[in-house]
Amino acid sequence: MKERQGLGRSEDLRGYNTLYWLNPDTVQPAEASGAIDWDQNGRIDAVRRRLDLNSDGQQSELAATPNEWSVLVFNGGTIGKQVEVGRLFSLARSQYQKMREPELFEEQRRKIQQSVKQP
């Protein structure tokens, strides 16, 4: 990781934050548009750092997340269906499908909530 580069220093990221793991029990928030002190040594280093940012026990290249916006289909028109209020719940139940694998496991979510430090 190049601390001066952060997540690319893009103006598009201004106002957004990212979270990364300091250790298996602590998550650190950081401003996404600037430099990030990945190793928390109090300075922005010029040299590359090898870190386990996602707490998977490995210091390897992180896989990119898929671009889900590119597969979003919206054909315009109204948002939602025009259905009588009495049928909304039955319609929602009939279209509900449980995800096969959660994006964030409950244990991970709990650890993040308990350990997030405010920047």
N, C-alpha and C. Protein backbone atom coordinates (compact mmCIF):
# COMPACT_ATOMS: atom_id res chain seq x y z
N MET A 1 0.84 -1.16 0.00
CA MET A 1 0.00 0.00 0.00
C MET A 1 0.89 1.24 0.00
N LYS A 2 0.51 2.20 -0.79
CA LYS A 2 1.20 3.49 -0.79
C LYS A 2 0.35 4.47 0.02
N GLU A 3 0.86 4.87 1.17
CA GLU A 3 0.08 5.72 2.06
C GLU A 3 -0.27 7.06 1.42
N ARG A 4 0.64 7.63 0.67
CA ARG A 4 0.36 8.93 0.02
C ARG A 4 -0.78 8.81 -0.99
N GLN A 5 -0.91 7.65 -1.62
CA GLN A 5 -1.96 7.44 -2.62
C GLN A 5 -3.32 7.17 -1.98
N GLY A 6 -3.34 6.62 -0.76
CA GLY A 6 -4.62 6.27 -0.14
C GLY A 6 -5.40 5.33 -1.05
N LEU A 7 -6.60 5.73 -1.42
CA LEU A 7 -7.43 4.95 -2.34
C LEU A 7 -7.43 5.57 -3.74
N GLY A 8 -6.40 6.36 -4.04
CA GLY A 8 -6.30 6.98 -5.36
C GLY A 8 -6.36 8.48 -5.33
N ARG A 9 -6.71 9.04 -4.17
CA ARG A 9 -6.79 10.50 -3.99
C ARG A 9 -7.75 11.17 -4.98
N SER A 10 -8.81 10.50 -5.34
CA SER A 10 -9.78 11.03 -6.28
C SER A 10 -10.73 12.01 -5.60
N GLU A 11 -11.01 13.13 -6.26
CA GLU A 11 -11.99 14.08 -5.76
C GLU A 11 -13.38 13.45 -5.69
N ASP A 12 -13.62 12.42 -6.50
CA ASP A 12 -14.91 11.73 -6.48
C ASP A 12 -15.18 11.07 -5.13
N LEU A 13 -14.10 10.81 -4.38
CA LEU A 13 -14.24 10.15 -3.07
C LEU A 13 -14.40 11.14 -1.92
N ARG A 14 -14.32 12.44 -2.21
CA ARG A 14 -14.45 13.45 -1.15
C ARG A 14 -15.80 13.30 -0.45
N GLY A 15 -15.74 13.28 0.87
CA GLY A 15 -16.95 13.13 1.67
C GLY A 15 -17.27 11.69 2.02
N TYR A 16 -16.48 10.75 1.48
CA TYR A 16 -16.68 9.33 1.79
C TYR A 16 -15.56 8.85 2.70
N ASN A 17 -15.84 7.80 3.46
CA ASN A 17 -14.85 7.16 4.31
C ASN A 17 -14.69 5.71 3.90
N THR A 18 -13.59 5.12 4.34
CA THR A 18 -13.37 3.69 4.17
C THR A 18 -13.01 3.12 5.54
N LEU A 19 -13.17 1.81 5.70
CA LEU A 19 -12.80 1.12 6.93
C LEU A 19 -11.74 0.09 6.59
N TYR A 20 -10.76 -0.06 7.45
CA TYR A 20 -9.77 -1.13 7.29
C TYR A 20 -9.41 -1.67 8.67
N TRP A 21 -8.95 -2.91 8.70
CA TRP A 21 -8.63 -3.58 9.96
C TRP A 21 -7.24 -3.21 10.42
N LEU A 22 -7.11 -2.74 11.67
CA LEU A 22 -5.81 -2.50 12.28
C LEU A 22 -5.24 -3.81 12.84
N ASN A 23 -6.14 -4.62 13.38
CA ASN A 23 -5.81 -5.94 13.92
C ASN A 23 -7.11 -6.73 13.91
N PRO A 24 -7.10 -8.01 14.30
CA PRO A 24 -8.34 -8.81 14.21
C PRO A 24 -9.52 -8.28 15.01
N ASP A 25 -9.29 -7.32 15.91
CA ASP A 25 -10.38 -6.82 16.75
C ASP A 25 -10.72 -5.35 16.55
N THR A 26 -9.96 -4.63 15.72
CA THR A 26 -10.15 -3.18 15.61
C THR A 26 -10.22 -2.72 14.17
N VAL A 27 -11.28 -1.97 13.85
CA VAL A 27 -11.47 -1.40 12.53
C VAL A 27 -11.19 0.09 12.62
N GLN A 28 -10.52 0.62 11.59
CA GLN A 28 -10.16 2.04 11.56
C GLN A 28 -10.84 2.74 10.39
N PRO A 29 -11.61 3.80 10.62
CA PRO A 29 -12.15 4.60 9.52
C PRO A 29 -11.10 5.59 9.02
N ALA A 30 -11.18 5.94 7.75
CA ALA A 30 -10.27 6.94 7.17
C ALA A 30 -10.99 7.65 6.03
N GLU A 31 -10.64 8.92 5.83
CA GLU A 31 -11.21 9.66 4.71
C GLU A 31 -10.73 9.03 3.40
N ALA A 32 -11.65 8.74 2.51
CA ALA A 32 -11.33 7.98 1.29
C ALA A 32 -10.60 8.81 0.23
N SER A 33 -10.69 10.13 0.27
CA SER A 33 -10.12 10.93 -0.82
C SER A 33 -8.68 11.38 -0.58
N GLY A 34 -8.11 11.10 0.58
CA GLY A 34 -6.77 11.59 0.87
C GLY A 34 -5.78 10.48 1.17
N ALA A 35 -4.62 10.90 1.67
CA ALA A 35 -3.60 9.96 2.11
C ALA A 35 -4.12 9.21 3.33
N ILE A 36 -3.68 7.96 3.50
CA ILE A 36 -4.13 7.15 4.63
C ILE A 36 -2.92 6.55 5.33
N ASP A 37 -2.85 6.73 6.63
CA ASP A 37 -1.76 6.17 7.44
C ASP A 37 -2.10 4.71 7.74
N TRP A 38 -1.92 3.85 6.74
CA TRP A 38 -2.35 2.45 6.84
C TRP A 38 -1.76 1.72 8.05
N ASP A 39 -0.51 1.99 8.37
CA ASP A 39 0.13 1.26 9.47
C ASP A 39 0.03 2.00 10.81
N GLN A 40 -0.67 3.14 10.84
CA GLN A 40 -0.94 3.89 12.07
C GLN A 40 0.33 4.23 12.85
N ASN A 41 1.39 4.63 12.14
CA ASN A 41 2.63 5.01 12.82
C ASN A 41 2.73 6.53 13.01
N GLY A 42 1.67 7.27 12.69
CA GLY A 42 1.64 8.70 12.92
C GLY A 42 2.19 9.55 11.79
N ARG A 43 2.58 8.93 10.68
CA ARG A 43 3.10 9.70 9.54
C ARG A 43 2.70 9.01 8.24
N ILE A 44 2.70 9.79 7.17
CA ILE A 44 2.42 9.26 5.83
C ILE A 44 3.76 8.88 5.21
N ASP A 45 4.01 7.59 5.09
CA ASP A 45 5.29 7.09 4.60
C ASP A 45 5.36 7.09 3.08
N ALA A 46 6.56 7.29 2.55
CA ALA A 46 6.77 7.27 1.10
C ALA A 46 6.97 5.86 0.57
N VAL A 47 7.35 4.93 1.43
CA VAL A 47 7.60 3.54 0.99
C VAL A 47 6.32 2.74 1.03
N ARG A 48 6.29 1.66 0.23
CA ARG A 48 5.12 0.76 0.22
C ARG A 48 5.05 0.00 1.54
N ARG A 49 3.84 -0.31 1.97
CA ARG A 49 3.60 -1.10 3.17
C ARG A 49 2.80 -2.34 2.80
N ARG A 50 3.16 -3.48 3.41
CA ARG A 50 2.39 -4.71 3.25
C ARG A 50 1.53 -4.86 4.51
N LEU A 51 0.22 -4.91 4.33
CA LEU A 51 -0.69 -4.97 5.47
C LEU A 51 -1.83 -5.94 5.20
N ASP A 52 -2.42 -6.41 6.27
CA ASP A 52 -3.61 -7.27 6.19
C ASP A 52 -4.83 -6.38 6.47
N LEU A 53 -5.28 -5.65 5.45
CA LEU A 53 -6.35 -4.66 5.64
C LEU A 53 -7.72 -5.25 5.89
N ASN A 54 -7.96 -6.49 5.42
CA ASN A 54 -9.29 -7.07 5.59
C ASN A 54 -9.32 -8.17 6.63
N SER A 55 -8.25 -8.32 7.41
CA SER A 55 -8.17 -9.25 8.54
C SER A 55 -8.44 -10.70 8.13
N ASP A 56 -7.91 -11.09 6.95
CA ASP A 56 -8.07 -12.49 6.53
C ASP A 56 -6.81 -13.31 6.81
N GLY A 57 -5.83 -12.70 7.51
CA GLY A 57 -4.61 -13.41 7.86
C GLY A 57 -3.58 -13.45 6.75
N GLN A 58 -3.82 -12.75 5.64
CA GLN A 58 -2.91 -12.77 4.50
C GLN A 58 -2.52 -11.35 4.12
N GLN A 59 -1.32 -11.23 3.56
CA GLN A 59 -0.87 -9.95 3.03
C GLN A 59 -0.71 -10.12 1.53
N SER A 60 -1.84 -10.21 0.85
CA SER A 60 -1.84 -10.42 -0.59
C SER A 60 -2.67 -9.33 -1.26
N GLU A 61 -2.67 -9.32 -2.57
CA GLU A 61 -3.44 -8.32 -3.31
C GLU A 61 -4.93 -8.56 -3.09
N LEU A 62 -5.64 -7.50 -2.76
CA LEU A 62 -7.09 -7.61 -2.54
C LEU A 62 -7.80 -7.70 -3.88
N ALA A 63 -8.77 -8.58 -3.97
CA ALA A 63 -9.56 -8.71 -5.19
C ALA A 63 -10.48 -7.50 -5.32
N ALA A 64 -10.66 -7.05 -6.53
CA ALA A 64 -11.57 -5.92 -6.78
C ALA A 64 -13.01 -6.36 -6.57
N THR A 65 -13.83 -5.43 -6.11
CA THR A 65 -15.25 -5.73 -5.98
C THR A 65 -15.91 -5.55 -7.34
N PRO A 66 -16.96 -6.30 -7.62
CA PRO A 66 -17.60 -6.17 -8.93
C PRO A 66 -18.30 -4.82 -9.08
N ASN A 67 -18.39 -4.36 -10.31
CA ASN A 67 -19.09 -3.12 -10.61
C ASN A 67 -20.58 -3.47 -10.76
N GLU A 68 -21.30 -3.38 -9.66
CA GLU A 68 -22.72 -3.74 -9.68
C GLU A 68 -23.58 -2.71 -10.40
N TRP A 69 -23.09 -1.47 -10.51
CA TRP A 69 -23.85 -0.45 -11.23
C TRP A 69 -23.96 -0.80 -12.71
N SER A 70 -22.96 -1.47 -13.26
CA SER A 70 -22.97 -1.78 -14.69
C SER A 70 -24.02 -2.82 -15.06
N VAL A 71 -24.51 -3.58 -14.09
CA VAL A 71 -25.52 -4.60 -14.39
C VAL A 71 -26.91 -4.20 -13.89
N LEU A 72 -27.03 -3.02 -13.32
CA LEU A 72 -28.31 -2.53 -12.87
C LEU A 72 -29.20 -2.21 -14.07
N VAL A 73 -30.41 -2.72 -14.04
CA VAL A 73 -31.34 -2.48 -15.15
C VAL A 73 -32.48 -1.61 -14.63
N PHE A 74 -32.66 -0.47 -15.26
CA PHE A 74 -33.77 0.41 -14.92
C PHE A 74 -34.36 0.90 -16.23
N ASN A 75 -35.59 0.56 -16.46
CA ASN A 75 -36.24 0.89 -17.72
C ASN A 75 -37.10 2.14 -17.63
N GLY A 76 -36.91 2.92 -16.59
CA GLY A 76 -37.68 4.15 -16.46
C GLY A 76 -39.08 3.90 -15.94
N GLY A 77 -39.91 4.87 -16.04
CA GLY A 77 -41.28 4.73 -15.55
C GLY A 77 -41.36 5.05 -14.07
N THR A 78 -42.39 4.55 -13.43
CA THR A 78 -42.57 4.84 -12.01
C THR A 78 -41.66 3.96 -11.17
N ILE A 79 -41.38 4.39 -9.98
CA ILE A 79 -40.60 3.60 -9.04
C ILE A 79 -41.58 2.69 -8.32
N GLY A 80 -41.42 1.41 -8.49
CA GLY A 80 -42.34 0.46 -7.88
C GLY A 80 -43.56 0.24 -8.75
N LYS A 81 -44.42 -0.63 -8.27
CA LYS A 81 -45.64 -0.94 -9.00
C LYS A 81 -46.81 -0.14 -8.43
N GLN A 82 -47.76 0.11 -9.25
CA GLN A 82 -48.97 0.76 -8.77
C GLN A 82 -49.93 -0.35 -8.34
N VAL A 83 -49.93 -0.61 -7.04
CA VAL A 83 -50.70 -1.71 -6.46
C VAL A 83 -51.49 -1.15 -5.29
N GLU A 84 -52.68 -1.71 -5.06
CA GLU A 84 -53.44 -1.27 -3.90
C GLU A 84 -52.66 -1.60 -2.65
N VAL A 85 -52.78 -0.76 -1.64
CA VAL A 85 -52.02 -0.92 -0.40
C VAL A 85 -52.25 -2.30 0.20
N GLY A 86 -53.44 -2.82 0.15
CA GLY A 86 -53.76 -4.13 0.73
C GLY A 86 -52.98 -5.28 0.11
N ARG A 87 -52.52 -5.14 -1.15
CA ARG A 87 -51.79 -6.21 -1.82
C ARG A 87 -50.27 -6.07 -1.70
N LEU A 88 -49.77 -4.96 -1.17
CA LEU A 88 -48.33 -4.73 -1.12
C LEU A 88 -47.58 -5.80 -0.34
N PHE A 89 -48.08 -6.20 0.83
CA PHE A 89 -47.37 -7.19 1.64
C PHE A 89 -47.33 -8.55 0.97
N SER A 90 -48.44 -8.98 0.40
CA SER A 90 -48.45 -10.29 -0.27
C SER A 90 -47.54 -10.26 -1.51
N LEU A 91 -47.51 -9.14 -2.22
CA LEU A 91 -46.63 -9.00 -3.38
C LEU A 91 -45.16 -9.06 -2.94
N ALA A 92 -44.83 -8.35 -1.87
CA ALA A 92 -43.45 -8.35 -1.36
C ALA A 92 -43.04 -9.75 -0.91
N ARG A 93 -43.91 -10.45 -0.19
CA ARG A 93 -43.59 -11.82 0.26
C ARG A 93 -43.39 -12.76 -0.93
N SER A 94 -44.17 -12.60 -1.97
CA SER A 94 -44.06 -13.51 -3.12
C SER A 94 -42.77 -13.27 -3.91
N GLN A 95 -42.19 -12.09 -3.82
CA GLN A 95 -40.99 -11.78 -4.58
C GLN A 95 -39.71 -11.85 -3.75
N TYR A 96 -39.84 -12.10 -2.45
CA TYR A 96 -38.67 -12.15 -1.56
C TYR A 96 -37.87 -13.42 -1.83
N GLN A 97 -36.56 -13.28 -1.94
CA GLN A 97 -35.67 -14.43 -2.06
C GLN A 97 -34.52 -14.23 -1.09
N LYS A 98 -34.26 -15.23 -0.26
CA LYS A 98 -33.17 -15.14 0.70
C LYS A 98 -31.85 -15.28 -0.04
N MET A 99 -30.87 -14.45 0.34
CA MET A 99 -29.54 -14.54 -0.26
C MET A 99 -28.87 -15.84 0.17
N ARG A 100 -28.15 -16.47 -0.77
CA ARG A 100 -27.46 -17.71 -0.45
C ARG A 100 -26.33 -17.48 0.55
N GLU A 101 -25.60 -16.41 0.38
CA GLU A 101 -24.47 -16.11 1.26
C GLU A 101 -24.51 -14.63 1.59
N PRO A 102 -24.49 -14.29 2.88
CA PRO A 102 -24.54 -12.87 3.22
C PRO A 102 -23.27 -12.15 2.79
N GLU A 103 -23.41 -10.88 2.45
CA GLU A 103 -22.25 -10.08 2.04
C GLU A 103 -21.34 -9.82 3.22
N LEU A 104 -21.93 -9.63 4.40
CA LEU A 104 -21.17 -9.39 5.61
C LEU A 104 -21.76 -10.30 6.68
N PHE A 105 -20.93 -11.20 7.21
CA PHE A 105 -21.42 -12.11 8.23
C PHE A 105 -21.72 -11.35 9.51
N GLU A 106 -22.69 -11.82 10.27
CA GLU A 106 -23.13 -11.15 11.49
C GLU A 106 -21.97 -10.92 12.45
N GLU A 107 -21.10 -11.90 12.61
CA GLU A 107 -19.96 -11.76 13.52
C GLU A 107 -19.04 -10.62 13.06
N GLN A 108 -18.81 -10.52 11.75
CA GLN A 108 -17.98 -9.44 11.22
C GLN A 108 -18.64 -8.09 11.45
N ARG A 109 -19.94 -8.00 11.22
CA ARG A 109 -20.67 -6.76 11.42
C ARG A 109 -20.58 -6.32 12.88
N ARG A 110 -20.74 -7.25 13.80
CA ARG A 110 -20.68 -6.95 15.23
C ARG A 110 -19.29 -6.46 15.62
N LYS A 111 -18.24 -7.13 15.10
CA LYS A 111 -16.87 -6.72 15.41
C LYS A 111 -16.60 -5.30 14.89
N ILE A 112 -17.11 -5.00 13.70
CA ILE A 112 -16.91 -3.67 13.14
C ILE A 112 -17.60 -2.63 14.01
N GLN A 113 -18.85 -2.87 14.37
CA GLN A 113 -19.58 -1.91 15.19
C GLN A 113 -18.91 -1.68 16.53
N GLN A 114 -18.39 -2.74 17.14
CA GLN A 114 -17.79 -2.62 18.47
C GLN A 114 -16.42 -1.95 18.42
N SER A 115 -15.73 -2.04 17.30
CA SER A 115 -14.34 -1.58 17.30
C SER A 115 -14.07 -0.32 16.49
N VAL A 116 -15.07 0.23 15.82
CA VAL A 116 -14.83 1.40 14.97
C VAL A 116 -14.37 2.58 15.83
N LYS A 117 -13.24 3.15 15.43
CA LYS A 117 -12.73 4.36 16.06
C LYS A 117 -13.16 5.53 15.21
N GLN A 118 -13.48 6.63 15.80
CA GLN A 118 -13.85 7.82 15.03
C GLN A 118 -12.59 8.54 14.61
N PRO A 119 -12.51 9.00 13.31
CA PRO A 119 -11.29 9.71 12.85
C PRO A 119 -11.09 11.04 13.56
